[in-house]
Each structure stands twice: as structure tokens, then as C-alpha cells.
Amino acid sequence: MPIELKSASFAYPGGFMANKDLSLTILAGERLAIVGQNGAGKTTAVKMMNGLHKPVEGDVLVDGQNTREHTTAQIARTVGYVFQNPDDQIFNQTVRAEIEYMPRYFKLPPAEIGRRVERAVGLTGLEGYLKKNPFDIPYPIRKFVTIAAVLATEPKYVIFDEPTAGQDRRGTLLLESMMEQLQREGITVITITHDMEFVARNFNRVVAMAHGNILADGTARSIFSNAAVVAEARLRKPQIGELAGRLGLGEDILFCNELVAALD
């Protein structure tokens, strides 16, 4: 079953319309990147997907269930959301306690809690940090604490908000391998990001947004080769793509091997 936005709109108090008439279907097991400048409506859109925001018009369905009819806590068991800033999400005194919190809240058996923690820790590389206070560990690693805490709920859909922001190369590579594993398990990964290199390497489907709505929905190559979409969404193409364009080698080159082949 998919996540479906059906002509969904959201307005903040005061009347500012952050999303207007959004229609989007995200299938199980997909890896989808949502891109666009700040203020494009990306975060508001994904917060409608996990029930943090309820549409003022239209509907949002998660596995056929209308989010209007469920609490955010109920939807969070299906759609996990990882905030951009981990400090907005962490509130426990140890990494283990943070990861265990929601499984304990769900009143799961101890053995099941242990299994979930072990899986989440393995996916995020936190084996040596379980006894530490999350605020005593480096920021890039702290981001993985919030990811592990969400993964421990075993959602069918996971939303990452700017996961590479403030991340080092080790962390980015870990993110990439983790997303590959999640997709192998049939878990849908939805990512908001300004990191176009990350998008080009990891996402087959990209949604470009501007002015609260969707400009384009397609492959990374189709999005980055569309000059009108790149300009309207204020995207910066991956470096190899920018270089290829300046050299007059075409607008659809994204990777180094493609650039080399075009230069031959």
C-alpha cells in the first residue's frame, strides 16, 4: 500500500498556505528524494505524511487510512520521521534509553525490545555508544541516535529531513549503506535534502518543489537535465553535471565515468 496525497493543502495559523493542491503517490519500497529551495514546502509536505500536520483541504492516506482519523502517535508506528536537528528529538540520558523509548512505550516484550535495539544499532553503527549520554557524543554520530530511535519502531516508511547536513564522509557512506538495506527490506525511504550529489548517487525518483507545489517528478537525470525545473526550484546541479554543461557536453551527465566517456 502507498502513501497518497490527494489534492492536499496545508495552511499555518495566520493563513500562510505552505502547500497547495499536492497530489503524490509513494509506493512501498521506493527511495524518493524531495528537493527545492527553503520555503518550497518540502517539510510541510512530509509532516502531512506522518500526521504532524493535517491537511486543511484534500486528504492524506497512509496504507489506505486517512490521517485525519488517526493521531500522530498512531501514524508514527507506520511512518517514522527523523528531524534535521537531532537535539530537537533526543530527550533520554543514554543512547540505549533513547533507542528503547518507543518500543517500551508500545509495551513490547523485553526480548522484542532487545531485538529491535540490536537491529537499529547495527544499521547505524552505534555499538560503542549505548551507555553514553547522546549530548556527549559528536553531532554527526548524534544524528544516528535519532535515526536508530525511529528505526526501532520498525516503521514501513521512514522520512529523513536533511540527513547529510553536518555529516562527515563516514556518516554519509553509512547513510547510503543503511538506505540500501532498508530498501532491501521493503521499507520506503523519503528524504528531504539540499545535497544534490547525495541525490544523484542514491535516488532513482526525485520530486522537485517550489512555491508550495510539485514542479516535476521523475528520475534524478530527468530533473537535473531540465533547465527550467533547475531554475524554478533553485537547484544546484551535481558538480559533474555543472562541469559537463559548461563544457558543452550535454545536460544529462551526472557521474564522473559519463564525463570521461563524453570527453573521449
Protein backbone atom coordinates (compact mmCIF):
# COMPACT_ATOMS: atom_id res chain seq x y z
CA MET A 1 0.00 0.00 0.00
CA PRO A 2 1.21 3.54 -0.71
CA ILE A 3 1.27 6.96 0.87
CA GLU A 4 -1.12 9.13 -1.12
CA LEU A 5 -1.56 12.90 -1.07
CA LYS A 6 -4.81 13.74 -2.81
CA SER A 7 -5.12 17.46 -3.60
CA ALA A 8 -3.74 18.11 -0.11
CA SER A 9 -3.22 21.67 1.10
CA PHE A 10 -1.91 22.99 4.41
CA ALA A 11 -2.09 26.49 5.88
CA TYR A 12 -0.32 27.71 9.01
CA PRO A 13 -2.09 29.91 11.60
CA GLY A 14 -2.39 33.34 10.06
CA GLY A 15 -3.35 31.90 6.70
CA PHE A 16 0.02 31.26 5.02
CA MET A 17 -0.57 28.43 2.54
CA ALA A 18 2.56 26.25 2.67
CA ASN A 19 1.26 23.53 0.36
CA LYS A 20 -1.37 23.90 -2.32
CA ASP A 21 -3.23 21.06 -4.01
CA LEU A 22 -0.46 18.46 -3.63
CA SER A 23 -1.05 15.14 -5.34
CA LEU A 24 1.60 12.46 -4.93
CA THR A 25 1.74 8.69 -4.59
CA ILE A 26 4.73 6.99 -2.94
CA LEU A 27 4.87 3.23 -3.34
CA ALA A 28 6.12 0.67 -0.86
CA GLY A 29 9.88 0.12 -1.09
CA GLU A 30 10.62 3.30 -3.03
CA ARG A 31 13.54 5.63 -2.36
CA LEU A 32 12.31 9.16 -3.02
CA ALA A 33 14.17 12.48 -2.66
CA ILE A 34 12.28 15.75 -2.30
CA VAL A 35 14.30 18.79 -3.36
CA GLY A 36 13.84 22.55 -3.67
CA GLN A 37 14.85 25.79 -2.01
CA ASN A 38 13.99 26.70 1.59
CA GLY A 39 10.34 27.65 1.75
CA ALA A 40 9.33 25.39 -1.13
CA GLY A 41 7.00 23.41 1.13
CA LYS A 42 9.06 20.22 1.43
CA THR A 43 8.99 19.81 5.22
CA THR A 44 5.32 20.73 5.46
CA ALA A 45 4.51 18.10 2.84
CA VAL A 46 6.29 15.29 4.68
CA LYS A 47 4.79 16.35 8.01
CA MET A 48 1.40 15.76 6.43
CA MET A 49 2.58 12.25 5.57
CA ASN A 50 3.22 11.34 9.21
CA GLY A 51 0.30 13.23 10.71
CA LEU A 52 2.22 16.09 12.35
CA HIS A 53 0.13 18.32 10.07
CA LYS A 54 -3.42 17.60 8.96
CA PRO A 55 -4.42 18.97 5.55
CA VAL A 56 -6.88 21.85 5.53
CA GLU A 57 -8.12 20.63 2.15
CA GLY A 58 -7.81 17.30 0.42
CA ASP A 59 -6.67 14.07 2.03
CA VAL A 60 -3.53 12.17 3.00
CA LEU A 61 -3.80 8.38 3.07
CA VAL A 62 -1.25 6.02 4.63
CA ASP A 63 -1.90 2.42 3.63
CA GLY A 64 -5.46 3.45 2.86
CA GLN A 65 -6.00 5.11 6.26
CA ASN A 66 -6.92 8.80 6.30
CA THR A 67 -4.56 10.73 8.60
CA ARG A 68 -7.49 12.92 9.71
CA GLU A 69 -8.91 9.91 11.51
CA HIS A 70 -5.75 8.98 13.44
CA THR A 71 -3.46 10.64 15.96
CA THR A 72 0.15 11.46 15.12
CA ALA A 73 1.27 8.79 17.62
CA GLN A 74 -0.79 6.17 15.79
CA ILE A 75 0.61 7.16 12.39
CA ALA A 76 4.17 7.24 13.77
CA ARG A 77 4.07 3.46 14.12
CA THR A 78 3.85 3.29 10.31
CA VAL A 79 5.61 6.50 9.21
CA GLY A 80 8.79 7.35 11.12
CA TYR A 81 10.17 10.90 10.96
CA VAL A 82 13.80 11.85 11.67
CA PHE A 83 14.20 15.58 12.32
CA GLN A 84 17.01 17.60 10.74
CA ASN A 85 18.37 18.63 14.15
CA PRO A 86 18.80 15.66 16.49
CA ASP A 87 18.70 17.96 19.51
CA ASP A 88 15.01 18.56 18.74
CA GLN A 89 14.30 14.86 19.13
CA ILE A 90 16.59 13.47 21.86
CA PHE A 91 15.44 13.59 25.49
CA ASN A 92 16.86 10.50 27.22
CA GLN A 93 20.06 10.24 29.28
CA THR A 94 21.70 7.38 27.38
CA VAL A 95 21.78 6.27 23.76
CA ARG A 96 20.25 2.92 24.71
CA ALA A 97 17.39 4.58 26.59
CA GLU A 98 16.70 6.81 23.60
CA ILE A 99 16.50 3.85 21.22
CA GLU A 100 14.42 1.77 23.63
CA TYR A 101 11.94 4.51 24.47
CA MET A 102 9.26 3.90 21.83
CA PRO A 103 9.40 0.08 21.96
CA ARG A 104 8.92 0.36 25.74
CA TYR A 105 6.09 2.84 25.16
CA PHE A 106 4.49 0.22 22.91
CA LYS A 107 4.79 -2.24 25.85
CA LEU A 108 6.67 -4.77 23.76
CA PRO A 109 8.18 -7.86 25.45
CA PRO A 110 11.79 -7.41 26.65
CA ALA A 111 13.12 -9.90 24.09
CA GLU A 112 11.45 -7.97 21.25
CA ILE A 113 12.80 -4.67 22.58
CA GLY A 114 16.28 -6.18 22.66
CA ARG A 115 15.94 -7.46 19.09
CA ARG A 116 14.80 -4.08 17.82
CA VAL A 117 17.60 -2.23 19.59
CA GLU A 118 20.20 -4.65 18.23
CA ARG A 119 18.91 -4.24 14.68
CA ALA A 120 18.76 -0.43 14.89
CA VAL A 121 22.24 -0.23 16.43
CA GLY A 122 23.66 -2.49 13.74
CA LEU A 123 22.19 -0.37 10.96
CA THR A 124 23.51 2.87 12.44
CA GLY A 125 26.93 1.82 13.76
CA LEU A 126 26.23 2.83 17.37
CA GLU A 127 27.61 -0.28 19.06
CA GLY A 128 30.19 1.62 21.12
CA TYR A 129 27.87 4.42 22.27
CA LEU A 130 24.94 2.76 24.04
CA LYS A 131 25.97 3.81 27.57
CA LYS A 132 26.89 7.37 26.64
CA ASN A 133 24.76 10.46 27.03
CA PRO A 134 23.69 11.44 23.50
CA PHE A 135 24.76 15.03 24.10
CA ASP A 136 28.30 13.90 24.93
CA ILE A 137 28.92 12.40 21.50
CA PRO A 138 29.77 14.26 18.26
CA TYR A 139 26.96 15.80 16.26
CA PRO A 140 27.33 13.54 13.20
CA ILE A 141 27.02 10.44 15.40
CA ARG A 142 24.21 12.03 17.42
CA LYS A 143 22.17 12.23 14.23
CA PHE A 144 22.36 8.44 14.01
CA VAL A 145 20.92 8.17 17.53
CA THR A 146 17.67 9.72 16.31
CA ILE A 147 17.72 7.52 13.22
CA ALA A 148 18.16 4.41 15.39
CA ALA A 149 15.34 5.52 17.69
CA VAL A 150 12.99 5.81 14.72
CA LEU A 151 14.14 2.53 13.18
CA ALA A 152 13.45 0.76 16.48
CA THR A 153 9.73 1.46 15.93
CA GLU A 154 10.07 -0.60 12.71
CA PRO A 155 8.00 1.72 10.51
CA LYS A 156 7.08 0.82 6.93
CA TYR A 157 8.02 4.34 5.80
CA VAL A 158 10.96 6.44 7.04
CA ILE A 159 11.31 10.18 6.42
CA PHE A 160 14.76 11.77 6.74
CA ASP A 161 14.96 15.57 6.91
CA GLU A 162 18.39 16.73 5.65
CA PRO A 163 20.25 13.62 6.85
CA THR A 164 23.63 14.67 5.36
CA ALA A 165 23.57 18.17 6.92
CA GLY A 166 26.56 18.42 9.29
CA GLN A 167 27.54 14.87 8.39
CA ASP A 168 31.08 13.72 7.63
CA ARG A 169 32.09 11.37 4.80
CA ARG A 170 31.95 8.30 7.06
CA GLY A 171 28.45 9.23 8.11
CA THR A 172 27.29 9.83 4.55
CA LEU A 173 28.60 6.43 3.44
CA LEU A 174 26.88 4.81 6.43
CA LEU A 175 23.64 6.56 5.49
CA GLU A 176 23.90 5.22 1.95
CA SER A 177 24.51 1.63 3.03
CA MET A 178 21.70 1.89 5.60
CA MET A 179 19.22 3.14 2.99
CA GLU A 180 20.17 0.28 0.68
CA GLN A 181 19.47 -2.21 3.46
CA LEU A 182 16.15 -0.58 4.31
CA GLN A 183 15.09 -0.76 0.69
CA ARG A 184 16.09 -4.44 0.54
CA GLU A 185 13.75 -4.97 3.49
CA GLY A 186 10.92 -3.27 1.58
CA ILE A 187 10.95 -0.09 3.69
CA THR A 188 10.14 3.14 1.88
CA VAL A 189 12.72 5.91 2.32
CA ILE A 190 11.65 9.54 1.79
CA THR A 191 14.39 12.14 2.08
CA ILE A 192 14.40 15.94 2.07
CA THR A 193 17.83 17.21 1.11
CA HIS A 194 19.82 20.07 -0.41
CA ASP A 195 22.70 17.69 -1.13
CA MET A 196 22.43 17.14 -4.87
CA GLU A 197 25.47 14.84 -5.01
CA PHE A 198 23.71 12.61 -2.47
CA VAL A 199 20.54 12.72 -4.55
CA ALA A 200 22.30 11.79 -7.80
CA ARG A 201 24.04 8.81 -6.20
CA ASN A 202 21.15 7.37 -4.23
CA PHE A 203 17.71 8.20 -5.58
CA ASN A 204 16.00 6.93 -8.70
CA ARG A 205 12.95 9.10 -8.09
CA VAL A 206 13.14 12.80 -7.34
CA VAL A 207 10.34 15.29 -6.66
CA ALA A 208 11.25 18.96 -7.20
CA MET A 209 9.13 21.51 -5.33
CA ALA A 210 8.68 25.28 -5.45
CA HIS A 211 6.03 27.71 -4.21
CA GLY A 212 4.33 25.01 -2.14
CA ASN A 213 3.71 22.65 -5.01
CA ILE A 214 5.34 20.00 -7.18
CA LEU A 215 7.21 21.18 -10.27
CA ALA A 216 8.48 17.83 -11.52
CA ASP A 217 8.52 14.17 -10.57
CA GLY A 218 10.98 11.87 -12.31
CA THR A 219 14.44 10.36 -12.30
CA ALA A 220 17.39 12.34 -10.96
CA ARG A 221 18.71 12.58 -14.51
CA SER A 222 15.44 13.95 -15.90
CA ILE A 223 15.18 16.54 -13.11
CA PHE A 224 18.77 17.80 -13.36
CA SER A 225 18.72 17.93 -17.17
CA ASN A 226 15.59 20.12 -17.18
CA ALA A 227 16.94 23.67 -17.12
CA ALA A 228 13.52 25.18 -16.40
CA VAL A 229 12.97 22.96 -13.35
CA VAL A 230 16.50 23.53 -12.06
CA ALA A 231 15.99 27.29 -12.32
CA GLU A 232 12.48 27.39 -10.85
CA ALA A 233 13.34 25.11 -7.92
CA ARG A 234 16.69 26.91 -7.49
CA LEU A 235 18.62 23.65 -7.53
CA ARG A 236 22.35 23.38 -7.87
CA LYS A 237 23.22 20.52 -10.17
CA PRO A 238 25.81 17.95 -9.02
CA GLN A 239 29.34 19.20 -9.70
CA ILE A 240 29.98 16.78 -12.56
CA GLY A 241 26.73 17.85 -14.19
CA GLU A 242 27.62 21.51 -13.86
CA LEU A 243 31.06 20.91 -15.36
CA ALA A 244 29.65 18.90 -18.26
CA GLY A 245 27.20 21.69 -19.02
CA ARG A 246 29.92 24.34 -19.01
CA LEU A 247 31.98 22.19 -21.38
CA GLY A 248 29.03 21.82 -23.73
CA LEU A 249 28.92 18.04 -23.31
CA GLY A 250 25.20 17.80 -22.56
CA GLU A 251 22.78 18.40 -19.71
CA ASP A 252 22.17 14.78 -18.70
CA ILE A 253 25.65 13.87 -17.44
CA LEU A 254 25.79 13.22 -13.67
CA PHE A 255 28.76 10.99 -12.96
CA CYS A 256 32.50 11.06 -13.50
CA ASN A 257 32.57 7.99 -15.77
CA GLU A 258 29.95 9.61 -18.00
CA LEU A 259 32.02 12.78 -18.21
CA VAL A 260 35.13 10.81 -19.10
CA ALA A 261 33.25 8.90 -21.80
CA ALA A 262 31.91 12.16 -23.27
CA LEU A 263 35.43 13.60 -23.39
CA ASP A 264 36.84 10.60 -25.30
